[in-house]
């Protein structure tokens, strides 16, 4: 189902030596019929469109968004009210993209639409590639989301692609909630792999 919400971004230049910020306007509807329903300010001008991710859960609409570049939060739609989430942290996980499979057929059939998602980003200072983590969204109605590094340290293959391109839920079911993730692996050929014969 296509999302009925979108954003338009105005970049604000604060002069030499300082980061640009952004004013993000939130719209409901499409094309000429779209109407602005709210707005928020983001303290980093990058990745504004990909860090606004509308999704539905139990007939209600929400969005993951990142007004602070080190934190993921939940917005209620169409009220645009902030429901809660992560707080600013100088060494927090900086999101650059979200994917919430709220309308993926297998996930919806299992009754899990909008109850989990994925985030790509990095810890501050580790920005040579984007890493993929899991988001527990089962309690967003209470304004609670939980980010988990449950896949280990895995990197997206390309930083200029969208996270959704690397996530497959074709084998997902209620009994077997499986996800396939395409990730980038690097190996140092100067280091001989150690093989445990008893493994």
N, C-alpha and C. Protein backbone atom coordinates (compact mmCIF):
# COMPACT_ATOMS: atom_id res chain seq x y z
N UNK A 1 0.85 -1.18 0.00
CA UNK A 1 0.00 0.00 0.00
C UNK A 1 0.88 1.23 0.00
N UNK A 2 0.67 2.17 -0.92
CA UNK A 2 1.50 3.36 -0.95
C UNK A 2 1.25 4.22 0.28
N UNK A 3 2.32 4.81 0.80
CA UNK A 3 2.17 5.65 1.99
C UNK A 3 1.50 6.96 1.62
N UNK A 4 0.56 7.43 2.43
CA UNK A 4 -0.11 8.70 2.12
C UNK A 4 0.64 9.92 2.65
N UNK A 5 1.86 9.73 3.12
CA UNK A 5 2.61 10.83 3.73
C UNK A 5 3.96 11.01 3.05
N UNK A 6 4.42 12.25 3.00
CA UNK A 6 5.71 12.57 2.39
C UNK A 6 6.28 13.82 3.04
N UNK A 7 7.52 14.14 2.67
CA UNK A 7 8.17 15.34 3.23
C UNK A 7 8.80 16.16 2.11
N UNK A 8 8.95 17.46 2.37
CA UNK A 8 9.73 18.37 1.55
C UNK A 8 10.74 19.05 2.47
N UNK A 9 11.96 19.21 1.98
CA UNK A 9 13.06 19.65 2.83
C UNK A 9 13.60 21.00 2.36
N UNK A 10 13.79 21.89 3.32
CA UNK A 10 14.47 23.17 3.07
C UNK A 10 15.78 23.15 3.85
N UNK A 11 16.90 23.24 3.13
CA UNK A 11 18.21 23.26 3.76
C UNK A 11 18.53 24.67 4.22
N UNK A 12 19.05 24.77 5.43
CA UNK A 12 19.36 26.08 6.02
C UNK A 12 20.87 26.17 6.21
N UNK A 13 21.49 27.10 5.51
CA UNK A 13 22.93 27.30 5.56
C UNK A 13 23.27 28.27 6.70
N UNK A 14 24.15 27.83 7.60
CA UNK A 14 24.52 28.67 8.75
C UNK A 14 25.90 29.29 8.60
N UNK A 15 26.45 29.22 7.40
CA UNK A 15 27.72 29.89 7.15
C UNK A 15 28.92 28.96 7.27
N UNK A 16 30.10 29.47 6.93
CA UNK A 16 31.32 28.66 6.93
C UNK A 16 31.63 28.08 8.31
N UNK A 17 32.11 26.84 8.31
CA UNK A 17 32.54 26.22 9.55
C UNK A 17 31.44 25.62 10.39
N UNK A 18 30.19 25.68 9.92
CA UNK A 18 29.08 25.10 10.69
C UNK A 18 28.25 24.21 9.78
N UNK A 19 27.60 23.21 10.37
CA UNK A 19 26.74 22.32 9.61
C UNK A 19 25.49 23.04 9.14
N UNK A 20 25.04 22.66 7.97
CA UNK A 20 23.71 23.08 7.54
C UNK A 20 22.67 22.25 8.29
N UNK A 21 21.53 22.85 8.56
CA UNK A 21 20.42 22.14 9.19
C UNK A 21 19.27 22.08 8.18
N UNK A 22 18.14 21.55 8.60
CA UNK A 22 17.02 21.41 7.66
C UNK A 22 15.70 21.68 8.36
N UNK A 23 14.80 22.27 7.60
CA UNK A 23 13.41 22.40 8.02
C UNK A 23 12.61 21.43 7.16
N UNK A 24 11.95 20.48 7.80
CA UNK A 24 11.27 19.40 7.10
C UNK A 24 9.76 19.59 7.25
N UNK A 25 9.07 19.74 6.12
CA UNK A 25 7.62 19.88 6.13
C UNK A 25 6.96 18.54 5.80
N UNK A 26 5.96 18.16 6.56
CA UNK A 26 5.28 16.87 6.41
C UNK A 26 3.95 17.09 5.70
N UNK A 27 3.68 16.24 4.68
CA UNK A 27 2.47 16.38 3.88
C UNK A 27 1.65 15.09 3.91
N UNK A 28 0.33 15.26 3.81
CA UNK A 28 -0.58 14.13 3.63
C UNK A 28 -1.22 14.28 2.26
N UNK A 29 -1.32 13.18 1.54
CA UNK A 29 -1.87 13.23 0.20
C UNK A 29 -0.77 13.20 -0.85
N UNK A 30 -1.17 13.35 -2.10
CA UNK A 30 -0.22 13.21 -3.19
C UNK A 30 -0.41 14.31 -4.21
N UNK A 31 0.69 14.74 -4.82
CA UNK A 31 0.64 15.72 -5.90
C UNK A 31 0.01 17.04 -5.47
N UNK A 32 -0.83 17.57 -6.36
CA UNK A 32 -1.45 18.87 -6.09
C UNK A 32 -2.44 18.81 -4.93
N UNK A 33 -2.91 17.60 -4.59
CA UNK A 33 -3.87 17.45 -3.50
C UNK A 33 -3.20 17.36 -2.14
N UNK A 34 -1.86 17.28 -2.11
CA UNK A 34 -1.15 17.15 -0.83
C UNK A 34 -1.32 18.40 0.02
N UNK A 35 -1.49 18.21 1.30
CA UNK A 35 -1.60 19.36 2.22
C UNK A 35 -0.63 19.19 3.36
N UNK A 36 -0.03 20.29 3.78
CA UNK A 36 0.93 20.23 4.87
C UNK A 36 0.20 20.01 6.19
N UNK A 37 0.70 19.05 6.98
CA UNK A 37 0.07 18.74 8.26
C UNK A 37 0.99 18.98 9.44
N UNK A 38 2.25 19.30 9.16
CA UNK A 38 3.19 19.56 10.26
C UNK A 38 4.58 19.80 9.73
N UNK A 39 5.52 19.97 10.65
CA UNK A 39 6.91 20.19 10.27
C UNK A 39 7.81 19.92 11.48
N UNK A 40 9.09 19.75 11.20
CA UNK A 40 10.07 19.63 12.27
C UNK A 40 11.42 20.11 11.75
N UNK A 41 12.30 20.44 12.67
CA UNK A 41 13.66 20.86 12.32
C UNK A 41 14.61 19.72 12.61
N UNK A 42 15.57 19.54 11.71
CA UNK A 42 16.60 18.50 11.87
C UNK A 42 17.95 19.19 11.98
N UNK A 43 18.78 18.75 12.94
CA UNK A 43 20.04 19.44 13.19
C UNK A 43 21.18 18.99 12.27
N UNK A 44 20.83 18.28 11.20
CA UNK A 44 21.78 17.91 10.16
C UNK A 44 21.01 17.86 8.85
N UNK A 45 21.55 18.50 7.81
CA UNK A 45 20.79 18.63 6.56
C UNK A 45 20.83 17.37 5.69
N UNK A 46 21.65 16.39 6.05
CA UNK A 46 21.76 15.20 5.22
C UNK A 46 20.70 14.16 5.54
N UNK A 47 20.35 13.36 4.53
CA UNK A 47 19.48 12.18 4.66
C UNK A 47 18.09 12.50 5.22
N UNK A 48 17.56 13.67 4.94
CA UNK A 48 16.25 14.03 5.51
C UNK A 48 15.12 13.17 4.96
N UNK A 49 15.11 12.94 3.64
CA UNK A 49 14.02 12.15 3.06
C UNK A 49 14.08 10.70 3.52
N UNK A 50 15.29 10.12 3.60
CA UNK A 50 15.40 8.70 3.95
C UNK A 50 15.28 8.46 5.45
N UNK A 51 15.31 9.53 6.26
CA UNK A 51 15.08 9.36 7.70
C UNK A 51 13.67 9.82 8.09
N UNK A 52 12.76 9.77 7.14
CA UNK A 52 11.33 9.92 7.43
C UNK A 52 10.66 8.72 6.79
N UNK A 53 10.17 7.79 7.62
CA UNK A 53 9.65 6.52 7.11
C UNK A 53 8.27 6.25 7.69
N UNK A 54 7.20 6.61 6.98
CA UNK A 54 5.84 6.32 7.45
C UNK A 54 5.54 4.82 7.40
N UNK A 55 4.74 4.36 8.35
CA UNK A 55 4.31 2.96 8.36
C UNK A 55 3.02 2.85 9.16
N UNK A 56 2.28 1.78 8.90
CA UNK A 56 1.04 1.57 9.63
C UNK A 56 1.19 0.37 10.56
N UNK A 57 0.47 0.44 11.66
CA UNK A 57 0.43 -0.66 12.63
C UNK A 57 -0.96 -0.67 13.25
N UNK A 58 -1.65 -1.78 13.09
CA UNK A 58 -3.00 -1.93 13.66
C UNK A 58 -3.93 -0.79 13.25
N UNK A 59 -3.83 -0.37 11.98
CA UNK A 59 -4.73 0.66 11.46
C UNK A 59 -4.34 2.07 11.80
N UNK A 60 -3.24 2.27 12.50
CA UNK A 60 -2.76 3.61 12.85
C UNK A 60 -1.48 3.90 12.08
N UNK A 61 -1.26 5.17 11.77
CA UNK A 61 -0.06 5.57 11.04
C UNK A 61 0.94 6.25 11.97
N UNK A 62 2.20 5.91 11.74
CA UNK A 62 3.32 6.51 12.46
C UNK A 62 4.44 6.77 11.45
N UNK A 63 5.50 7.37 11.91
CA UNK A 63 6.71 7.50 11.08
C UNK A 63 7.92 7.44 11.98
N UNK A 64 8.95 6.74 11.51
CA UNK A 64 10.27 6.89 12.12
C UNK A 64 10.86 8.16 11.56
N UNK A 65 11.51 8.94 12.41
CA UNK A 65 12.15 10.16 11.93
C UNK A 65 13.31 10.50 12.86
N UNK A 66 14.15 11.42 12.42
CA UNK A 66 15.37 11.72 13.18
C UNK A 66 15.61 13.23 13.21
N UNK A 67 14.89 13.96 14.07
CA UNK A 67 15.16 15.39 14.19
C UNK A 67 16.58 15.66 14.70
N UNK A 68 17.11 14.73 15.48
CA UNK A 68 18.51 14.77 15.90
C UNK A 68 19.25 13.67 15.15
N UNK A 69 20.39 13.98 14.58
CA UNK A 69 21.07 13.02 13.71
C UNK A 69 21.64 11.82 14.45
N UNK A 70 21.58 11.82 15.79
CA UNK A 70 22.09 10.68 16.56
C UNK A 70 20.98 9.84 17.18
N UNK A 71 19.74 10.04 16.77
CA UNK A 71 18.64 9.35 17.46
C UNK A 71 17.46 9.10 16.53
N UNK A 72 16.80 7.98 16.74
CA UNK A 72 15.58 7.63 16.03
C UNK A 72 14.38 7.85 16.96
N UNK A 73 13.35 8.49 16.43
CA UNK A 73 12.16 8.74 17.22
C UNK A 73 10.92 8.33 16.42
N UNK A 74 9.77 8.35 17.12
CA UNK A 74 8.49 7.95 16.52
C UNK A 74 7.57 9.16 16.47
N UNK A 75 6.99 9.39 15.29
CA UNK A 75 6.00 10.45 15.10
C UNK A 75 4.65 9.80 14.85
N UNK A 76 3.62 10.32 15.48
CA UNK A 76 2.25 9.89 15.21
C UNK A 76 1.72 10.67 14.01
N UNK A 77 1.01 9.98 13.13
CA UNK A 77 0.43 10.64 11.96
C UNK A 77 -1.08 10.42 11.95
N UNK A 78 -1.86 11.42 11.50
CA UNK A 78 -1.44 12.67 10.87
C UNK A 78 -1.21 13.83 11.83
N UNK A 79 -1.24 13.60 13.13
CA UNK A 79 -1.09 14.71 14.07
C UNK A 79 0.33 15.27 14.09
N UNK A 80 1.32 14.47 13.64
CA UNK A 80 2.73 14.84 13.67
C UNK A 80 3.24 15.03 15.10
N UNK A 81 2.58 14.38 16.05
CA UNK A 81 3.00 14.47 17.45
C UNK A 81 4.13 13.49 17.72
N UNK A 82 5.17 13.96 18.39
CA UNK A 82 6.28 13.11 18.77
C UNK A 82 5.82 12.17 19.89
N UNK A 83 6.00 10.86 19.68
CA UNK A 83 5.55 9.88 20.66
C UNK A 83 6.67 9.38 21.55
N UNK A 84 7.93 9.63 21.20
CA UNK A 84 9.04 9.16 22.02
C UNK A 84 10.08 8.48 21.16
N UNK A 85 11.06 7.90 21.84
CA UNK A 85 12.14 7.21 21.14
C UNK A 85 13.48 7.50 21.76
N UNK A 86 14.52 7.44 20.94
CA UNK A 86 15.88 7.65 21.43
C UNK A 86 16.14 9.13 21.68
N UNK A 87 17.04 9.39 22.61
CA UNK A 87 17.46 10.76 22.90
C UNK A 87 18.85 11.01 22.30
N UNK A 88 19.19 12.28 22.16
CA UNK A 88 20.51 12.64 21.64
C UNK A 88 21.61 11.99 22.47
N UNK A 89 22.62 11.48 21.77
CA UNK A 89 23.77 10.89 22.44
C UNK A 89 25.00 11.18 21.57
N UNK A 90 26.06 11.71 22.16
CA UNK A 90 27.23 12.10 21.37
C UNK A 90 27.87 10.92 20.67
N UNK A 91 27.65 9.70 21.18
CA UNK A 91 28.15 8.50 20.52
C UNK A 91 26.98 7.58 20.13
N UNK A 92 25.85 8.19 19.79
CA UNK A 92 24.68 7.42 19.42
C UNK A 92 24.79 6.85 18.01
N UNK A 93 23.81 6.05 17.64
CA UNK A 93 23.74 5.47 16.30
C UNK A 93 23.07 6.49 15.39
N UNK A 94 23.79 6.96 14.38
CA UNK A 94 23.29 8.01 13.49
C UNK A 94 22.54 7.38 12.32
N UNK A 95 21.22 7.47 12.27
CA UNK A 95 20.46 6.83 11.20
C UNK A 95 20.57 7.61 9.89
N UNK A 96 20.65 6.87 8.78
CA UNK A 96 20.62 7.50 7.46
C UNK A 96 19.50 6.93 6.60
N UNK A 97 18.92 5.80 7.01
CA UNK A 97 17.84 5.19 6.23
C UNK A 97 17.07 4.21 7.10
N UNK A 98 15.76 4.09 6.82
CA UNK A 98 14.90 3.15 7.53
C UNK A 98 14.15 2.28 6.52
N UNK A 99 13.78 1.09 6.98
CA UNK A 99 12.84 0.25 6.24
C UNK A 99 11.94 -0.45 7.24
N UNK A 100 10.64 -0.18 7.14
CA UNK A 100 9.63 -0.84 7.97
C UNK A 100 8.71 -1.61 7.03
N UNK A 101 8.76 -2.94 7.05
CA UNK A 101 7.96 -3.74 6.10
C UNK A 101 6.50 -3.88 6.55
N UNK A 102 5.81 -2.77 6.72
CA UNK A 102 4.44 -2.82 7.25
C UNK A 102 3.47 -3.41 6.24
N UNK A 103 3.79 -3.30 4.93
CA UNK A 103 2.88 -3.81 3.91
C UNK A 103 3.50 -4.93 3.09
N UNK A 104 4.63 -5.48 3.55
CA UNK A 104 5.22 -6.63 2.87
C UNK A 104 4.27 -7.82 3.04
N UNK A 105 3.88 -8.51 1.97
CA UNK A 105 2.82 -9.51 2.06
C UNK A 105 3.04 -10.60 3.11
N UNK A 106 4.24 -11.17 3.19
CA UNK A 106 4.48 -12.24 4.16
C UNK A 106 4.41 -11.73 5.59
N UNK A 107 4.94 -10.54 5.80
CA UNK A 107 4.92 -9.96 7.15
C UNK A 107 3.50 -9.61 7.56
N UNK A 108 2.74 -9.02 6.63
CA UNK A 108 1.34 -8.68 6.93
C UNK A 108 0.52 -9.94 7.20
N UNK A 109 0.74 -11.00 6.42
CA UNK A 109 0.00 -12.25 6.61
C UNK A 109 0.29 -12.85 7.97
N UNK A 110 1.52 -12.68 8.46
CA UNK A 110 1.89 -13.20 9.77
C UNK A 110 1.37 -12.34 10.92
N UNK A 111 0.77 -11.20 10.59
CA UNK A 111 0.24 -10.31 11.62
C UNK A 111 1.29 -9.41 12.24
N UNK A 112 2.43 -9.25 11.57
CA UNK A 112 3.53 -8.46 12.15
C UNK A 112 3.76 -7.15 11.41
N UNK A 113 2.84 -6.73 10.57
CA UNK A 113 3.03 -5.50 9.82
C UNK A 113 3.25 -4.30 10.73
N UNK A 114 4.34 -3.59 10.51
CA UNK A 114 4.66 -2.40 11.29
C UNK A 114 5.20 -2.68 12.68
N UNK A 115 5.45 -3.94 13.02
CA UNK A 115 5.91 -4.27 14.37
C UNK A 115 7.43 -4.35 14.49
N UNK A 116 8.11 -4.27 13.36
CA UNK A 116 9.58 -4.24 13.40
C UNK A 116 10.08 -3.53 12.15
N UNK A 117 11.35 -3.18 12.20
CA UNK A 117 11.95 -2.50 11.06
C UNK A 117 13.46 -2.61 11.11
N UNK A 118 14.11 -1.89 10.22
CA UNK A 118 15.55 -1.91 10.11
C UNK A 118 16.06 -0.48 9.95
N UNK A 119 17.26 -0.24 10.44
CA UNK A 119 17.88 1.07 10.31
C UNK A 119 19.30 0.88 9.81
N UNK A 120 19.71 1.75 8.90
CA UNK A 120 21.10 1.79 8.44
C UNK A 120 21.72 3.08 8.94
N UNK A 121 22.98 3.00 9.33
CA UNK A 121 23.66 4.18 9.82
C UNK A 121 25.00 3.81 10.42
N UNK A 122 25.44 4.61 11.36
CA UNK A 122 26.75 4.35 11.96
C UNK A 122 26.85 5.01 13.33
N UNK A 123 27.77 4.50 14.13
CA UNK A 123 28.16 5.18 15.35
C UNK A 123 29.06 6.34 14.95
N UNK A 124 28.95 7.46 15.62
CA UNK A 124 29.74 8.63 15.27
C UNK A 124 31.24 8.27 15.22
N UNK A 125 31.87 8.61 14.10
CA UNK A 125 33.29 8.31 13.92
C UNK A 125 33.54 7.03 13.13
N UNK A 126 32.48 6.23 12.92
CA UNK A 126 32.61 4.97 12.18
C UNK A 126 31.78 5.08 10.90
N UNK A 127 32.00 6.16 10.16
CA UNK A 127 31.12 6.48 9.03
C UNK A 127 31.71 6.13 7.66
N UNK A 128 32.63 5.18 7.61
CA UNK A 128 33.15 4.74 6.32
C UNK A 128 32.15 3.85 5.58
N UNK A 129 31.18 3.32 6.31
CA UNK A 129 30.12 2.51 5.70
C UNK A 129 28.92 2.55 6.62
N UNK A 130 27.76 2.15 6.06
CA UNK A 130 26.55 2.09 6.86
C UNK A 130 26.33 0.68 7.37
N UNK A 131 26.01 0.57 8.66
CA UNK A 131 25.74 -0.72 9.29
C UNK A 131 24.23 -0.89 9.42
N UNK A 132 23.79 -2.14 9.53
CA UNK A 132 22.36 -2.45 9.59
C UNK A 132 22.00 -2.99 10.97
N UNK A 133 20.98 -2.40 11.58
CA UNK A 133 20.50 -2.86 12.88
C UNK A 133 18.98 -3.06 12.82
N UNK A 134 18.47 -3.71 13.86
CA UNK A 134 17.06 -4.10 13.95
C UNK A 134 16.32 -3.13 14.86
N UNK A 135 15.05 -2.86 14.54
CA UNK A 135 14.21 -2.01 15.37
C UNK A 135 12.97 -2.78 15.81
N UNK A 136 12.78 -2.89 17.12
CA UNK A 136 11.57 -3.47 17.68
C UNK A 136 10.56 -2.34 17.81
N UNK A 137 9.49 -2.40 17.01
CA UNK A 137 8.46 -1.35 16.99
C UNK A 137 7.15 -1.81 17.59
N UNK A 138 7.17 -2.91 18.31
CA UNK A 138 5.93 -3.50 18.81
C UNK A 138 5.21 -2.61 19.82
N UNK A 139 5.93 -1.64 20.40
CA UNK A 139 5.31 -0.77 21.41
C UNK A 139 5.33 0.70 21.00
N UNK A 140 5.28 0.98 19.70
CA UNK A 140 5.31 2.38 19.28
C UNK A 140 4.08 3.15 19.74
N UNK A 141 2.97 2.45 19.96
CA UNK A 141 1.78 3.15 20.44
C UNK A 141 2.05 3.79 21.80
N UNK A 142 2.96 3.20 22.56
CA UNK A 142 3.37 3.78 23.84
C UNK A 142 4.60 4.68 23.69
N UNK A 143 5.04 4.89 22.46
CA UNK A 143 6.20 5.74 22.22
C UNK A 143 7.53 5.06 22.50
N UNK A 144 7.54 3.73 22.43
CA UNK A 144 8.75 2.97 22.76
C UNK A 144 9.25 2.25 21.53
N UNK A 145 10.51 2.45 21.21
CA UNK A 145 11.18 1.65 20.19
C UNK A 145 12.50 1.17 20.77
N UNK A 146 12.92 0.00 20.33
CA UNK A 146 14.16 -0.59 20.84
C UNK A 146 15.04 -0.95 19.64
N UNK A 147 16.25 -0.40 19.61
CA UNK A 147 17.20 -0.71 18.55
C UNK A 147 18.13 -1.80 19.04
N UNK A 148 18.35 -2.82 18.20
CA UNK A 148 19.18 -3.95 18.59
C UNK A 148 20.22 -4.25 17.52
N UNK A 149 21.44 -4.55 17.95
CA UNK A 149 22.49 -4.98 17.03
C UNK A 149 22.46 -6.51 16.96
N UNK A 150 21.35 -7.06 16.50
CA UNK A 150 21.14 -8.50 16.57
C UNK A 150 21.74 -9.27 15.40
N UNK A 151 22.28 -8.56 14.39
CA UNK A 151 22.89 -9.23 13.25
C UNK A 151 24.41 -9.23 13.31
N UNK A 152 24.97 -8.71 14.39
CA UNK A 152 26.41 -8.52 14.43
C UNK A 152 26.78 -7.25 13.67
N UNK A 153 28.04 -7.11 13.38
CA UNK A 153 28.54 -5.90 12.71
C UNK A 153 28.50 -6.13 11.21
N UNK A 154 27.38 -5.77 10.57
CA UNK A 154 27.26 -5.99 9.13
C UNK A 154 27.09 -4.65 8.42
N UNK A 155 27.67 -4.55 7.23
CA UNK A 155 27.69 -3.32 6.46
C UNK A 155 26.83 -3.44 5.20
N UNK A 156 26.17 -2.36 4.83
CA UNK A 156 25.46 -2.32 3.56
C UNK A 156 26.47 -2.38 2.43
N UNK A 157 26.14 -3.09 1.34
CA UNK A 157 27.07 -3.19 0.22
C UNK A 157 27.42 -1.85 -0.42
N UNK A 158 26.43 -0.97 -0.55
CA UNK A 158 26.68 0.32 -1.18
C UNK A 158 26.01 1.41 -0.36
N UNK A 159 26.75 2.47 -0.11
CA UNK A 159 26.21 3.55 0.71
C UNK A 159 25.23 4.43 -0.05
N UNK A 160 25.23 4.36 -1.39
CA UNK A 160 24.35 5.23 -2.17
C UNK A 160 23.05 4.54 -2.57
N UNK A 161 22.79 3.36 -2.03
CA UNK A 161 21.54 2.65 -2.30
C UNK A 161 20.65 2.71 -1.07
N UNK A 162 19.39 2.33 -1.25
CA UNK A 162 18.44 2.34 -0.14
C UNK A 162 18.48 1.01 0.59
N UNK A 163 18.23 1.08 1.89
CA UNK A 163 18.27 -0.10 2.76
C UNK A 163 17.32 -1.19 2.28
N UNK A 164 16.15 -0.82 1.79
CA UNK A 164 15.14 -1.80 1.37
C UNK A 164 15.69 -2.74 0.29
N UNK A 165 16.66 -2.28 -0.49
CA UNK A 165 17.22 -3.11 -1.56
C UNK A 165 17.97 -4.33 -1.03
N UNK A 166 18.39 -4.30 0.24
CA UNK A 166 19.22 -5.35 0.79
C UNK A 166 18.50 -6.22 1.81
N UNK A 167 17.19 -6.02 1.95
CA UNK A 167 16.39 -6.78 2.90
C UNK A 167 15.37 -7.62 2.15
N UNK A 168 15.37 -8.94 2.39
CA UNK A 168 14.37 -9.82 1.79
C UNK A 168 13.62 -10.57 2.89
N UNK A 169 12.30 -10.56 2.76
CA UNK A 169 11.44 -11.25 3.71
C UNK A 169 10.60 -12.32 3.01
N UNK A 170 11.12 -12.86 1.92
CA UNK A 170 10.37 -13.83 1.12
C UNK A 170 10.14 -15.14 1.85
N UNK A 171 10.93 -15.43 2.90
CA UNK A 171 10.74 -16.65 3.67
C UNK A 171 10.11 -16.38 5.04
N UNK A 172 9.62 -15.16 5.23
CA UNK A 172 9.08 -14.79 6.54
C UNK A 172 7.71 -15.44 6.76
N UNK A 173 7.51 -15.94 7.98
CA UNK A 173 6.20 -16.43 8.39
C UNK A 173 6.12 -16.29 9.91
N UNK A 174 4.92 -16.47 10.44
CA UNK A 174 4.75 -16.39 11.89
C UNK A 174 5.58 -17.46 12.59
N UNK A 175 5.62 -18.66 12.03
CA UNK A 175 6.37 -19.76 12.64
C UNK A 175 7.87 -19.59 12.43
N UNK A 176 8.26 -19.07 11.26
CA UNK A 176 9.68 -18.90 10.94
C UNK A 176 9.92 -17.45 10.51
N UNK A 177 10.10 -16.54 11.48
CA UNK A 177 10.29 -15.13 11.14
C UNK A 177 11.73 -14.85 10.66
N UNK A 178 11.99 -15.20 9.41
CA UNK A 178 13.34 -15.13 8.86
C UNK A 178 13.49 -13.92 7.96
N UNK A 179 14.67 -13.35 8.00
CA UNK A 179 15.03 -12.24 7.12
C UNK A 179 16.35 -12.58 6.44
N UNK A 180 16.47 -12.22 5.17
CA UNK A 180 17.73 -12.36 4.45
C UNK A 180 18.29 -10.96 4.21
N UNK A 181 19.55 -10.76 4.59
CA UNK A 181 20.19 -9.46 4.45
C UNK A 181 21.42 -9.60 3.57
N UNK A 182 21.49 -8.80 2.54
CA UNK A 182 22.69 -8.74 1.72
C UNK A 182 23.66 -7.76 2.38
N UNK A 183 24.86 -8.24 2.69
CA UNK A 183 25.81 -7.42 3.41
C UNK A 183 27.17 -7.45 2.73
N UNK A 184 28.01 -6.48 3.07
CA UNK A 184 29.36 -6.41 2.53
C UNK A 184 30.32 -7.03 3.54
N UNK A 185 31.16 -7.95 3.09
CA UNK A 185 32.17 -8.57 3.93
C UNK A 185 33.55 -8.27 3.37
N UNK A 186 34.49 -7.93 4.24
CA UNK A 186 35.86 -7.65 3.83
C UNK A 186 36.80 -8.60 4.55
N UNK A 187 37.81 -9.07 3.82
CA UNK A 187 38.78 -9.99 4.40
C UNK A 187 40.19 -9.51 4.08
N UNK A 188 41.07 -9.65 5.05
CA UNK A 188 42.48 -9.32 4.88
C UNK A 188 43.20 -10.58 4.41
N UNK A 189 43.65 -10.61 3.16
CA UNK A 189 44.29 -11.79 2.60
C UNK A 189 45.68 -12.03 3.16
N UNK A 190 46.19 -11.06 3.90
CA UNK A 190 47.49 -11.25 4.55
C UNK A 190 47.36 -12.08 5.82
N UNK A 191 46.13 -12.18 6.33
CA UNK A 191 45.88 -12.91 7.57
C UNK A 191 45.32 -14.29 7.22
N UNK A 192 46.03 -15.34 7.59
CA UNK A 192 45.55 -16.69 7.33
C UNK A 192 44.41 -17.01 8.28
N UNK A 193 43.31 -17.53 7.73
CA UNK A 193 42.16 -17.89 8.57
C UNK A 193 42.53 -19.07 9.46
N UNK A 194 42.13 -18.98 10.72
CA UNK A 194 42.37 -20.06 11.67
C UNK A 194 41.15 -20.99 11.64
N UNK A 195 41.39 -22.27 11.41
CA UNK A 195 40.31 -23.25 11.34
C UNK A 195 40.34 -24.13 12.55
N UNK A 196 39.24 -24.22 13.26
CA UNK A 196 39.12 -25.08 14.43
C UNK A 196 38.66 -26.46 13.96
N UNK A 197 39.49 -27.48 14.06
CA UNK A 197 39.09 -28.81 13.55
C UNK A 197 37.95 -29.43 14.33
N UNK A 198 37.68 -28.89 15.53
CA UNK A 198 36.61 -29.45 16.37
C UNK A 198 35.32 -28.64 16.27
N UNK A 199 35.32 -27.61 15.42
CA UNK A 199 34.13 -26.76 15.31
C UNK A 199 33.02 -27.49 14.59
